[in-house]
Amino acid sequence: LDDDRRIDESEEEKSFWNMNVLPILRELETEDNVESLCLACTKLYQVLNEGDMLGKRFKRRSMLLKTLYKLVEIDSDPLCLKLAKIILSLTATLRNLADLPRARCQLVCSGAVSELCVALEQRMNDKDVCTYIVRIFSKLSSYDDFCAALADCSRCYVLFLALLNKHQKQQDLVLRINFILGNLTAKNNQAREQFFKEKGSVDTLISLFHTYHELDLNEEKRCHERRREEKSNPKHPSEAEDVLIKLIRVLANLSIHPSVGAALAAAHRVVELLLTVLEYKSIEVCEELVINAATTINNLSFYKVKSSAVQDKKLRIAETLLKLLMSNNMDGIVEAVRVFGNLSQYHEICDFIIQKKIHKFVIALLDAKNQDVCFSACGVLLNLTVDKDKRSLLMEEGGIGKLVDCLRDFGPADMQLACLVCKTLWNYSEDITSSASCFGEDTDALLVLLTSFLDEELALDNGLDRGDHHKLYWETEFKPVAEKLLARIRTHRSSVSTVTVTAF
């Protein structure tokens, strides 16, 4: 039983309880005739329904349920059916049982998924029944075993899409379905593909996006002054924001699948909506919504496809992310830098980065002592150093020393990051004439680190917990570029000869 003591009770609810519910409960407590008890239960159900108390938490619910539970022991099937109807009206019995591992296992093993899907299909027009079943799915979808069972039920995607289209403005239903879809597509590549291939899946998400974006805009207009005052103390997301958060999470998860992600990258309406969110919503107002939108753009920017909407809008995306990059939110900054890491493969974006002095900020991020931040920052710098005219910026901003520090701090355990650093320094040093003038006071430290990391036994010992993948990456990716960089530095320590190379 829930603790109902903390729930506020209105005068209207109190009056309704005393006038209508309490007399029936007293009758149930004193009556011993089964037929009379059945009639009283029928009357109680009707009264609770009239008072909108079925399936709802209210001040005296515990008292109501205690009275009913006492009657369960009476040996009468008709009475038990009457009691079950009231008690189950979704105390949310199945949903609460889902929190218990044994009960959850039985629900999965007994075929409850398919049975609930059938019930959902048969009662599609009954908003309340649909909401109850979706609540059960929502609770259970937080668990991997249930997600796997639900993903195997091929009809679930059609049902969820039908519900979203039919009850588009039923916020609690839409929110929970998107939460379920987000959980289904979080780890399961097959689920991503199956959902995407369902007819009208993306169109439905776009339609929902428009609906709740409009609701959110209207809410912002009404609360503009209040929101401005609360910027320093972010509140919980509004109902419309919450739907958008869950919906964008579905898009972000779908975009992980190679063919689905490539298709979404070319979907101009999807990219436009994500950009719209980043343009009108600040991270101070709704952090999770903005970060989800930036994450999805980052995922889509990974795909180099014909007619890419991300490529077409790359300068607008860069302008939008500049605001996020300059925020005080580290998670937002990391997502923005990740996007710049992908987009900086285009010359226009590299020029934009220099023009807006973003490179200075990216180099400063190398001091963050955060592995993910350093990896993203190195990605941007690697692309910048492909252009000969931009290489000197690394030395001017102290970037060489910071890259060497990253190599020292994270290289042994993260060969991908170590490889990025080496490739960046390789590009930077293409026109080297002297190691001292090229790498300055960091030359000796760089030599020691490269020599150490190229020692196979030492390098692989430092990455023991990463298994065969670590060894393979060290052999195929890191070692070739690190050996070339080390040879170049040694060659030019006392020589002024030049070596012609190709930028990575």
Protein backbone atom coordinates (compact mmCIF):
# COMPACT_ATOMS: atom_id res chain seq x y z
CA LEU A 1 0.00 0.00 0.00
CA ASP A 2 1.15 3.50 -0.81
CA ASP A 3 1.55 5.98 2.00
CA ASP A 4 -1.36 8.35 1.39
CA ARG A 5 -0.60 10.67 4.31
CA ARG A 6 1.42 13.06 2.16
CA ILE A 7 -1.37 13.53 -0.40
CA ASP A 8 -3.34 16.75 -0.12
CA GLU A 9 -7.12 16.44 -0.05
CA SER A 10 -9.45 19.10 -1.41
CA GLU A 11 -12.64 20.05 0.41
CA GLU A 12 -14.59 18.65 -2.52
CA GLU A 13 -12.85 15.26 -2.24
CA LYS A 14 -13.34 15.20 1.52
CA SER A 15 -17.05 15.94 1.15
CA PHE A 16 -17.50 13.31 -1.57
CA TRP A 17 -15.76 10.70 0.59
CA ASN A 18 -17.85 11.41 3.67
CA MET A 19 -21.16 11.63 1.83
CA ASN A 20 -20.80 8.81 -0.71
CA VAL A 21 -17.92 6.41 -0.02
CA LEU A 22 -17.74 6.16 3.77
CA PRO A 23 -21.35 4.89 4.26
CA ILE A 24 -20.68 2.01 1.83
CA LEU A 25 -17.44 1.08 3.57
CA ARG A 26 -19.24 0.94 6.90
CA GLU A 27 -21.82 -1.35 5.33
CA LEU A 28 -19.04 -3.62 4.04
CA GLU A 29 -17.46 -3.77 7.50
CA THR A 30 -20.71 -4.72 9.30
CA GLU A 31 -22.58 -6.80 6.72
CA ASP A 32 -22.17 -10.60 6.76
CA ASN A 33 -24.60 -11.56 3.99
CA VAL A 34 -22.69 -12.40 0.77
CA GLU A 35 -25.45 -11.19 -1.54
CA SER A 36 -25.64 -7.87 0.30
CA LEU A 37 -21.87 -7.54 0.19
CA CYS A 38 -21.91 -8.09 -3.60
CA LEU A 39 -24.54 -5.38 -4.01
CA ALA A 40 -22.52 -3.02 -1.81
CA CYS A 41 -19.39 -3.69 -3.93
CA THR A 42 -21.32 -2.91 -7.11
CA LYS A 43 -22.53 0.34 -5.56
CA LEU A 44 -19.00 1.19 -4.34
CA TYR A 45 -17.53 0.73 -7.82
CA GLN A 46 -20.17 3.06 -9.31
CA VAL A 47 -19.54 5.71 -6.64
CA LEU A 48 -15.75 5.57 -7.06
CA ASN A 49 -16.16 5.85 -10.81
CA GLU A 50 -18.43 8.89 -10.41
CA GLY A 51 -15.88 10.52 -8.12
CA ASP A 52 -13.00 9.82 -10.52
CA MET A 53 -11.26 7.79 -7.83
CA LEU A 54 -10.60 4.59 -9.75
CA GLY A 55 -6.92 4.14 -10.57
CA LYS A 56 -6.10 7.38 -8.76
CA ARG A 57 -4.14 8.07 -5.60
CA PHE A 58 -6.21 9.97 -3.06
CA LYS A 59 -5.99 10.73 0.65
CA ARG A 60 -7.99 7.75 1.96
CA ARG A 61 -7.15 5.09 -0.58
CA SER A 62 -5.29 2.96 1.98
CA MET A 63 -8.39 2.85 4.16
CA LEU A 64 -10.50 1.79 1.19
CA LEU A 65 -8.13 -1.01 0.16
CA LYS A 66 -7.72 -2.34 3.71
CA THR A 67 -11.45 -2.71 3.99
CA LEU A 68 -11.66 -4.57 0.68
CA TYR A 69 -8.69 -6.85 1.40
CA LYS A 70 -10.39 -8.09 4.60
CA LEU A 71 -13.28 -9.37 2.51
CA VAL A 72 -11.09 -11.40 0.13
CA GLU A 73 -10.98 -14.28 2.63
CA ILE A 74 -14.76 -14.86 2.36
CA ASP A 75 -15.40 -18.03 0.38
CA SER A 76 -17.51 -16.60 -2.45
CA ASP A 77 -16.49 -16.47 -6.10
CA PRO A 78 -19.03 -13.74 -7.06
CA LEU A 79 -17.82 -11.55 -4.18
CA CYS A 80 -14.15 -12.12 -5.09
CA LEU A 81 -14.88 -11.03 -8.66
CA LYS A 82 -16.56 -7.86 -7.39
CA LEU A 83 -13.63 -7.15 -5.07
CA ALA A 84 -11.06 -7.84 -7.80
CA LYS A 85 -12.78 -5.38 -10.11
CA ILE A 86 -12.42 -2.58 -7.57
CA ILE A 87 -8.98 -3.50 -6.21
CA LEU A 88 -7.35 -4.00 -9.62
CA SER A 89 -8.86 -0.75 -10.91
CA LEU A 90 -4.39 -0.48 -11.94
CA THR A 91 -3.60 -0.05 -7.85
CA ALA A 92 -1.65 -0.69 -10.98
CA THR A 93 -1.10 -4.28 -9.83
CA LEU A 94 0.83 -5.61 -12.82
CA ARG A 95 2.91 -2.47 -13.03
CA ASN A 96 3.83 -2.71 -9.36
CA LEU A 97 4.59 -6.42 -9.65
CA ALA A 98 7.04 -5.57 -12.44
CA ASP A 99 9.38 -4.18 -9.79
CA LEU A 100 9.76 -7.66 -8.27
CA PRO A 101 12.33 -9.83 -10.13
CA ARG A 102 10.39 -13.10 -9.65
CA ALA A 103 7.09 -11.60 -10.75
CA ARG A 104 8.76 -9.92 -13.73
CA CYS A 105 10.30 -13.22 -14.79
CA GLN A 106 6.88 -14.89 -14.63
CA LEU A 107 5.33 -12.10 -16.69
CA VAL A 108 7.97 -12.56 -19.39
CA CYS A 109 7.96 -16.37 -19.33
CA SER A 110 4.17 -16.72 -19.27
CA GLY A 111 3.70 -14.91 -22.57
CA ALA A 112 2.26 -11.76 -20.98
CA VAL A 113 3.84 -9.61 -23.72
CA SER A 114 1.82 -11.13 -26.55
CA GLU A 115 -1.36 -11.26 -24.43
CA LEU A 116 -1.07 -7.58 -23.54
CA CYS A 117 -0.41 -6.72 -27.19
CA VAL A 118 -3.60 -8.56 -28.18
CA ALA A 119 -5.54 -6.66 -25.51
CA LEU A 120 -4.03 -3.41 -26.76
CA GLU A 121 -5.05 -4.20 -30.33
CA GLN A 122 -8.61 -5.15 -29.35
CA ARG A 123 -9.16 -2.07 -27.17
CA MET A 124 -7.39 0.49 -29.36
CA ASN A 125 -10.28 2.94 -29.02
CA ASP A 126 -10.41 2.71 -25.24
CA LYS A 127 -8.02 5.40 -24.08
CA ASP A 128 -8.02 4.23 -20.46
CA VAL A 129 -7.29 0.57 -21.23
CA CYS A 130 -4.53 1.60 -23.64
CA THR A 131 -3.02 3.86 -21.00
CA TYR A 132 -3.06 1.09 -18.36
CA ILE A 133 -1.35 -1.42 -20.66
CA VAL A 134 1.19 1.12 -21.88
CA ARG A 135 2.01 1.94 -18.25
CA ILE A 136 2.81 -1.75 -17.68
CA PHE A 137 5.02 -1.82 -20.78
CA SER A 138 6.66 1.42 -19.70
CA LYS A 139 7.60 0.02 -16.30
CA LEU A 140 8.79 -3.30 -17.69
CA SER A 141 10.75 -1.82 -20.60
CA SER A 142 13.37 -0.59 -18.15
CA TYR A 143 14.54 -4.22 -17.89
CA ASP A 144 16.60 -5.89 -20.62
CA ASP A 145 14.82 -9.26 -20.49
CA PHE A 146 11.42 -7.68 -21.04
CA CYS A 147 12.76 -5.39 -23.78
CA ALA A 148 14.06 -8.47 -25.61
CA ALA A 149 10.66 -10.19 -25.32
CA LEU A 150 8.82 -7.08 -26.48
CA ALA A 151 11.22 -6.56 -29.40
CA ASP A 152 10.50 -10.12 -30.53
CA CYS A 153 6.78 -9.35 -30.68
CA SER A 154 6.70 -7.99 -34.24
CA ARG A 155 3.20 -6.52 -33.85
CA CYS A 156 4.27 -4.14 -31.07
CA TYR A 157 5.72 -1.54 -33.43
CA VAL A 158 2.55 -1.36 -35.52
CA LEU A 159 0.46 -1.08 -32.35
CA PHE A 160 2.59 1.68 -30.87
CA LEU A 161 2.50 3.68 -34.11
CA ALA A 162 -1.27 3.24 -34.35
CA LEU A 163 -1.68 4.46 -30.78
CA LEU A 164 0.56 7.48 -31.38
CA ASN A 165 -1.48 8.45 -34.42
CA LYS A 166 -4.84 7.85 -32.76
CA HIS A 167 -4.11 9.53 -29.42
CA GLN A 168 -1.57 12.13 -30.55
CA LYS A 169 -2.62 14.76 -28.01
CA GLN A 170 -2.91 12.33 -25.08
CA GLN A 171 0.32 13.48 -23.47
CA ASP A 172 0.76 10.73 -20.86
CA LEU A 173 0.17 8.01 -23.45
CA VAL A 174 2.49 9.59 -26.04
CA LEU A 175 5.17 10.15 -23.42
CA ARG A 176 5.16 6.54 -22.25
CA ILE A 177 5.12 5.04 -25.74
CA ASN A 178 8.15 7.11 -26.71
CA PHE A 179 9.83 6.06 -23.47
CA ILE A 180 9.20 2.40 -24.39
CA LEU A 181 10.47 2.92 -27.96
CA GLY A 182 13.55 4.65 -26.56
CA ASN A 183 14.28 1.64 -24.34
CA LEU A 184 13.64 -0.83 -27.17
CA THR A 185 16.03 0.96 -29.53
CA ALA A 186 18.69 1.76 -26.93
CA LYS A 187 20.62 -1.52 -27.30
CA ASN A 188 18.88 -3.56 -29.99
CA ASN A 189 19.99 -2.98 -33.57
CA GLN A 190 17.24 -5.24 -34.88
CA ALA A 191 14.61 -3.20 -33.05
CA ARG A 192 15.99 -0.01 -34.63
CA GLU A 193 15.67 -1.50 -38.09
CA GLN A 194 12.24 -3.05 -37.51
CA PHE A 195 10.71 0.14 -36.17
CA PHE A 196 12.21 2.27 -38.93
CA LYS A 197 10.87 -0.07 -41.62
CA GLU A 198 7.28 0.12 -40.33
CA LYS A 199 5.16 2.19 -42.69
CA GLY A 200 4.92 5.81 -41.59
CA SER A 201 7.22 5.43 -38.59
CA VAL A 202 9.33 8.54 -39.24
CA ASP A 203 6.30 10.52 -40.46
CA THR A 204 4.55 9.75 -37.17
CA LEU A 205 7.54 10.94 -35.14
CA ILE A 206 7.76 14.13 -37.22
CA SER A 207 4.04 14.78 -36.76
CA LEU A 208 4.39 14.36 -33.00
CA PHE A 209 7.42 16.61 -33.06
CA HIS A 210 5.39 19.40 -34.70
CA THR A 211 2.49 18.95 -32.27
CA TYR A 212 4.54 19.13 -29.09
CA HIS A 213 6.92 21.75 -30.43
CA GLU A 214 3.92 24.03 -30.99
CA LEU A 215 2.63 23.27 -27.48
CA ASP A 216 6.04 24.06 -26.05
CA LEU A 217 6.30 27.34 -27.98
CA ASN A 218 2.89 28.42 -26.68
CA GLU A 219 3.91 27.53 -23.16
CA GLU A 220 7.12 29.54 -23.52
CA LYS A 221 5.20 32.58 -24.72
CA ARG A 222 2.87 32.42 -21.72
CA CYS A 223 5.65 31.95 -19.22
CA HIS A 224 8.40 34.07 -20.80
CA GLU A 225 8.92 36.38 -17.84
CA ARG A 226 8.78 33.56 -15.29
CA ARG A 227 11.23 31.48 -17.33
CA ARG A 228 13.66 34.38 -17.56
CA GLU A 229 13.67 34.71 -13.78
CA GLU A 230 14.26 30.98 -13.33
CA LYS A 231 17.21 30.64 -15.73
CA SER A 232 19.69 30.41 -12.89
CA ASN A 233 17.61 27.68 -11.24
CA PRO A 234 16.42 25.24 -13.95
CA LYS A 235 13.08 23.57 -13.28
CA HIS A 236 11.83 20.18 -14.33
CA PRO A 237 10.84 19.84 -18.00
CA SER A 238 7.29 20.82 -18.93
CA GLU A 239 4.93 18.15 -20.27
CA ALA A 240 5.63 19.19 -23.88
CA GLU A 241 9.39 19.30 -23.27
CA ASP A 242 9.26 15.85 -21.70
CA VAL A 243 7.60 14.38 -24.81
CA LEU A 244 10.19 16.05 -27.05
CA ILE A 245 13.01 14.70 -24.88
CA LYS A 246 11.73 11.12 -25.20
CA LEU A 247 10.96 11.51 -28.90
CA ILE A 248 14.41 12.85 -29.77
CA ARG A 249 15.95 10.00 -27.78
CA VAL A 250 14.18 7.57 -30.12
CA LEU A 251 15.67 9.40 -33.13
CA ALA A 252 19.13 9.37 -31.54
CA ASN A 253 18.92 5.62 -30.92
CA LEU A 254 17.59 4.89 -34.43
CA SER A 255 20.46 6.84 -35.96
CA ILE A 256 23.01 4.41 -34.48
CA HIS A 257 21.95 1.77 -37.03
CA PRO A 258 24.12 2.31 -40.17
CA SER A 259 21.41 2.21 -42.86
CA VAL A 260 18.77 3.87 -40.67
CA GLY A 261 21.20 6.60 -39.60
CA ALA A 262 22.19 7.26 -43.21
CA ALA A 263 18.53 7.58 -44.20
CA LEU A 264 17.78 9.95 -41.31
CA ALA A 265 20.85 12.06 -42.16
CA ALA A 266 19.25 12.66 -45.56
CA ALA A 267 15.82 13.42 -44.03
CA HIS A 268 15.65 17.21 -44.21
CA ARG A 269 12.52 17.47 -42.05
CA VAL A 270 14.20 15.54 -39.21
CA VAL A 271 17.36 17.65 -39.26
CA GLU A 272 15.31 20.85 -39.54
CA LEU A 273 13.31 19.99 -36.43
CA LEU A 274 16.43 19.15 -34.44
CA LEU A 275 17.97 22.45 -35.48
CA THR A 276 14.80 24.28 -34.51
CA VAL A 277 15.07 22.88 -30.99
CA LEU A 278 18.69 24.00 -30.68
CA GLU A 279 17.82 27.46 -31.96
CA TYR A 280 14.86 28.26 -29.74
CA LYS A 281 15.66 26.32 -26.58
CA SER A 282 18.57 27.22 -24.32
CA ILE A 283 20.40 24.64 -22.25
CA GLU A 284 19.69 26.69 -19.12
CA VAL A 285 15.94 26.23 -19.66
CA CYS A 286 15.90 22.53 -20.55
CA GLU A 287 19.28 20.80 -20.44
CA GLU A 288 18.15 17.28 -21.37
CA LEU A 289 16.20 18.41 -24.44
CA VAL A 290 19.08 20.46 -25.85
CA ILE A 291 21.69 17.76 -25.20
CA ASN A 292 19.47 15.07 -26.77
CA ALA A 293 19.05 17.22 -29.88
CA ALA A 294 22.82 17.86 -30.09
CA THR A 295 23.54 14.13 -29.60
CA THR A 296 21.19 13.22 -32.45
CA ILE A 297 22.78 15.82 -34.76
CA ASN A 298 26.18 14.38 -33.82
CA ASN A 299 25.03 10.85 -34.70
CA LEU A 300 23.64 12.02 -38.04
CA SER A 301 26.73 14.10 -38.86
CA PHE A 302 28.75 10.89 -38.81
CA TYR A 303 27.17 9.73 -42.09
CA LYS A 304 28.62 11.02 -45.36
CA VAL A 305 25.70 10.33 -47.68
CA LYS A 306 24.38 11.81 -50.88
CA SER A 307 21.82 14.57 -50.26
CA SER A 308 22.84 14.79 -46.61
CA ALA A 309 20.68 17.33 -44.82
CA VAL A 310 23.42 17.74 -42.21
CA GLN A 311 25.94 18.65 -44.91
CA ASP A 312 23.51 21.09 -46.53
CA LYS A 313 22.88 22.82 -43.22
CA LYS A 314 26.39 22.50 -41.79
CA LEU A 315 27.08 26.23 -41.39
CA ARG A 316 23.72 26.79 -39.73
CA ILE A 317 24.43 23.86 -37.42
CA ALA A 318 27.84 25.34 -36.58
CA GLU A 319 26.29 28.73 -35.78
CA THR A 320 23.71 27.07 -33.54
CA LEU A 321 26.26 24.97 -31.68
CA LEU A 322 28.42 28.02 -30.97
CA LYS A 323 25.88 29.02 -28.30
CA LEU A 324 26.11 25.56 -26.74
CA LEU A 325 29.90 25.57 -26.90
CA MET A 326 30.04 28.80 -24.91
CA SER A 327 27.67 27.58 -22.19
CA ASN A 328 28.73 26.55 -18.69
CA ASN A 329 27.38 23.04 -19.18
CA MET A 330 30.17 20.50 -19.73
CA ASP A 331 27.86 17.83 -21.17
CA GLY A 332 26.58 20.37 -23.69
CA ILE A 333 30.11 21.47 -24.54
CA VAL A 334 31.22 17.87 -25.16
CA GLU A 335 28.28 17.24 -27.53
CA ALA A 336 28.99 20.47 -29.43
CA VAL A 337 32.69 19.59 -29.81
CA ARG A 338 31.74 16.10 -31.04
CA VAL A 339 29.63 17.61 -33.80
CA PHE A 340 32.45 19.98 -34.75
CA GLY A 341 34.72 16.93 -34.84
CA ASN A 342 32.57 15.46 -37.63
CA LEU A 343 31.78 18.71 -39.44
CA SER A 344 35.37 19.99 -39.40
CA GLN A 345 36.09 17.60 -42.25
CA TYR A 346 34.55 20.32 -44.45
CA HIS A 347 36.69 23.34 -45.39
CA GLU A 348 33.86 25.79 -44.72
CA ILE A 349 33.55 24.60 -41.15
CA CYS A 350 37.32 24.76 -40.59
CA ASP A 351 37.25 28.37 -41.78
CA PHE A 352 34.27 29.05 -39.50
CA ILE A 353 36.15 27.55 -36.53
CA ILE A 354 39.12 29.86 -37.13
CA GLN A 355 36.93 32.88 -37.88
CA LYS A 356 35.00 32.47 -34.61
CA LYS A 357 38.20 31.54 -32.69
CA ILE A 358 36.64 28.22 -31.71
CA HIS A 359 40.04 26.56 -32.09
CA LYS A 360 41.28 28.43 -29.02
CA PHE A 361 38.41 27.04 -27.01
CA VAL A 362 39.01 23.52 -28.37
CA ILE A 363 42.71 23.67 -27.46
CA ALA A 364 41.78 24.90 -23.97
CA LEU A 365 39.51 21.86 -23.58
CA LEU A 366 42.59 19.62 -23.75
CA ASP A 367 43.27 20.82 -20.20
CA ALA A 368 39.95 19.44 -18.99
CA LYS A 369 41.58 16.16 -17.89
CA ASN A 370 38.49 14.41 -19.21
CA GLN A 371 39.06 11.55 -21.63
CA ASP A 372 35.89 12.09 -23.69
CA VAL A 373 36.48 15.83 -23.92
CA CYS A 374 40.08 15.36 -25.04
CA PHE A 375 39.07 12.78 -27.65
CA SER A 376 36.49 15.12 -29.19
CA ALA A 377 38.86 18.09 -29.10
CA CYS A 378 41.61 16.05 -30.79
CA GLY A 379 39.17 15.13 -33.55
CA VAL A 380 38.64 18.80 -34.37
CA LEU A 381 42.36 19.61 -34.23
CA LEU A 382 43.22 16.65 -36.45
CA ASN A 383 40.92 17.95 -39.16
CA LEU A 384 42.25 21.50 -38.81
CA THR A 385 45.85 20.33 -39.30
CA VAL A 386 44.99 18.84 -42.69
CA ASP A 387 45.09 22.46 -43.93
CA LYS A 388 48.70 23.71 -44.02
CA ASP A 389 47.62 27.30 -43.34
CA LYS A 390 46.07 26.35 -40.02
CA ARG A 391 48.83 24.20 -38.51
CA SER A 392 50.79 27.00 -36.85
CA LEU A 393 47.77 27.72 -34.61
CA LEU A 394 48.65 24.66 -32.53
CA MET A 395 51.97 26.17 -31.44
CA GLU A 396 50.53 29.65 -30.90
CA GLU A 397 47.90 28.44 -28.48
CA GLY A 398 50.14 26.04 -26.57
CA GLY A 399 48.41 23.13 -28.24
CA ILE A 400 51.54 21.00 -28.66
CA GLY A 401 52.19 20.77 -24.94
CA LYS A 402 48.55 20.03 -24.22
CA LEU A 403 48.44 17.27 -26.83
CA VAL A 404 51.54 15.72 -25.28
CA ASP A 405 49.86 15.92 -21.86
CA CYS A 406 46.81 14.12 -23.27
CA LEU A 407 49.08 11.44 -24.69
CA ARG A 408 50.72 11.00 -21.29
CA ASP A 409 47.48 11.04 -19.29
CA PHE A 410 45.24 8.87 -21.44
CA GLY A 411 47.37 7.18 -24.09
CA PRO A 412 48.27 3.93 -22.31
CA ALA A 413 44.65 2.95 -21.70
CA ASP A 414 43.10 4.57 -24.78
CA MET A 415 44.96 3.78 -27.99
CA GLN A 416 42.30 5.51 -30.09
CA LEU A 417 42.98 8.80 -28.35
CA ALA A 418 46.75 8.19 -28.55
CA CYS A 419 46.39 7.56 -32.28
CA LEU A 420 44.41 10.80 -32.77
CA VAL A 421 47.14 12.77 -30.98
CA CYS A 422 49.88 11.20 -33.11
CA LYS A 423 48.00 11.83 -36.35
CA THR A 424 47.44 15.45 -35.36
CA LEU A 425 51.15 15.93 -34.56
CA TRP A 426 52.08 14.13 -37.79
CA ASN A 427 49.99 16.52 -39.87
CA TYR A 428 51.27 19.50 -37.93
CA SER A 429 54.91 18.56 -38.50
CA GLU A 430 54.69 17.90 -42.25
CA ASP A 431 57.07 20.75 -43.14
CA ILE A 432 59.43 20.15 -40.22
CA THR A 433 63.01 21.40 -40.51
CA SER A 434 64.02 21.04 -36.88
CA SER A 435 62.39 19.03 -34.11
CA ALA A 436 63.25 21.72 -31.58
CA SER A 437 61.63 24.51 -33.56
CA CYS A 438 58.63 22.33 -34.44
CA PHE A 439 57.82 20.81 -31.03
CA GLY A 440 59.71 23.22 -28.78
CA GLU A 441 60.31 22.24 -25.18
CA ASP A 442 57.93 19.27 -25.55
CA THR A 443 60.29 17.42 -27.93
CA ASP A 444 62.03 15.27 -25.34
CA ALA A 445 58.79 14.38 -23.51
CA LEU A 446 57.21 13.37 -26.83
CA LEU A 447 60.19 11.16 -27.68
CA VAL A 448 60.02 9.39 -24.32
CA LEU A 449 56.26 8.80 -24.58
CA LEU A 450 56.37 7.48 -28.15
CA THR A 451 59.25 5.16 -27.34
CA SER A 452 57.39 3.86 -24.31
CA PHE A 453 54.07 3.34 -26.12
CA LEU A 454 55.77 1.53 -28.98
CA ASP A 455 57.12 -1.03 -26.53
CA GLU A 456 54.58 -3.78 -27.23
CA GLU A 457 54.77 -5.48 -23.87
CA LEU A 458 54.44 -2.24 -21.92
CA ALA A 459 51.68 -0.84 -24.14
CA LEU A 460 49.53 -3.97 -23.98
CA ASP A 461 50.07 -4.44 -20.25
CA ASN A 462 48.59 -0.98 -19.70
CA GLY A 463 45.49 -2.00 -21.61
CA LEU A 464 44.98 -5.52 -20.26
CA ASP A 465 41.32 -4.93 -19.40
CA ARG A 466 40.57 -3.97 -23.00
CA GLY A 467 41.33 -7.39 -24.44
CA ASP A 468 42.10 -8.30 -28.05
CA HIS A 469 40.54 -5.12 -29.43
CA HIS A 470 43.18 -3.03 -27.66
CA LYS A 471 45.99 -5.14 -29.10
CA LEU A 472 44.52 -5.06 -32.62
CA TYR A 473 44.12 -1.28 -32.54
CA TRP A 474 47.66 -0.85 -31.22
CA GLU A 475 49.05 -2.98 -34.06
CA THR A 476 46.98 -1.67 -36.99
CA GLU A 477 46.27 1.95 -36.11
CA PHE A 478 48.55 3.37 -33.44
CA LYS A 479 51.85 1.67 -34.18
CA PRO A 480 52.21 2.73 -37.87
CA VAL A 481 51.68 6.44 -37.27
CA ALA A 482 53.58 6.51 -33.96
CA GLU A 483 56.64 4.85 -35.57
CA LYS A 484 56.63 7.37 -38.42
CA LEU A 485 56.26 10.30 -36.04
CA LEU A 486 59.05 9.01 -33.81
CA ALA A 487 61.35 8.51 -36.82
CA ARG A 488 60.60 12.02 -38.07
CA ILE A 489 61.42 13.62 -34.71
CA ARG A 490 64.66 11.67 -34.40
CA THR A 491 65.69 12.47 -37.97
CA HIS A 492 65.24 16.20 -37.47
CA ARG A 493 66.78 16.56 -34.04
CA SER A 494 70.07 17.61 -35.66
CA SER A 495 69.17 17.73 -39.34
CA VAL A 496 67.43 20.28 -41.50
CA SER A 497 66.40 17.92 -44.30
CA THR A 498 62.68 17.68 -45.14
CA VAL A 499 60.41 14.73 -45.76
CA THR A 500 57.40 14.88 -48.08
CA VAL A 501 54.33 13.22 -46.51
CA THR A 502 50.60 12.99 -46.97
CA ALA A 503 48.27 14.33 -44.31
CA PHE A 504 46.05 11.79 -42.58
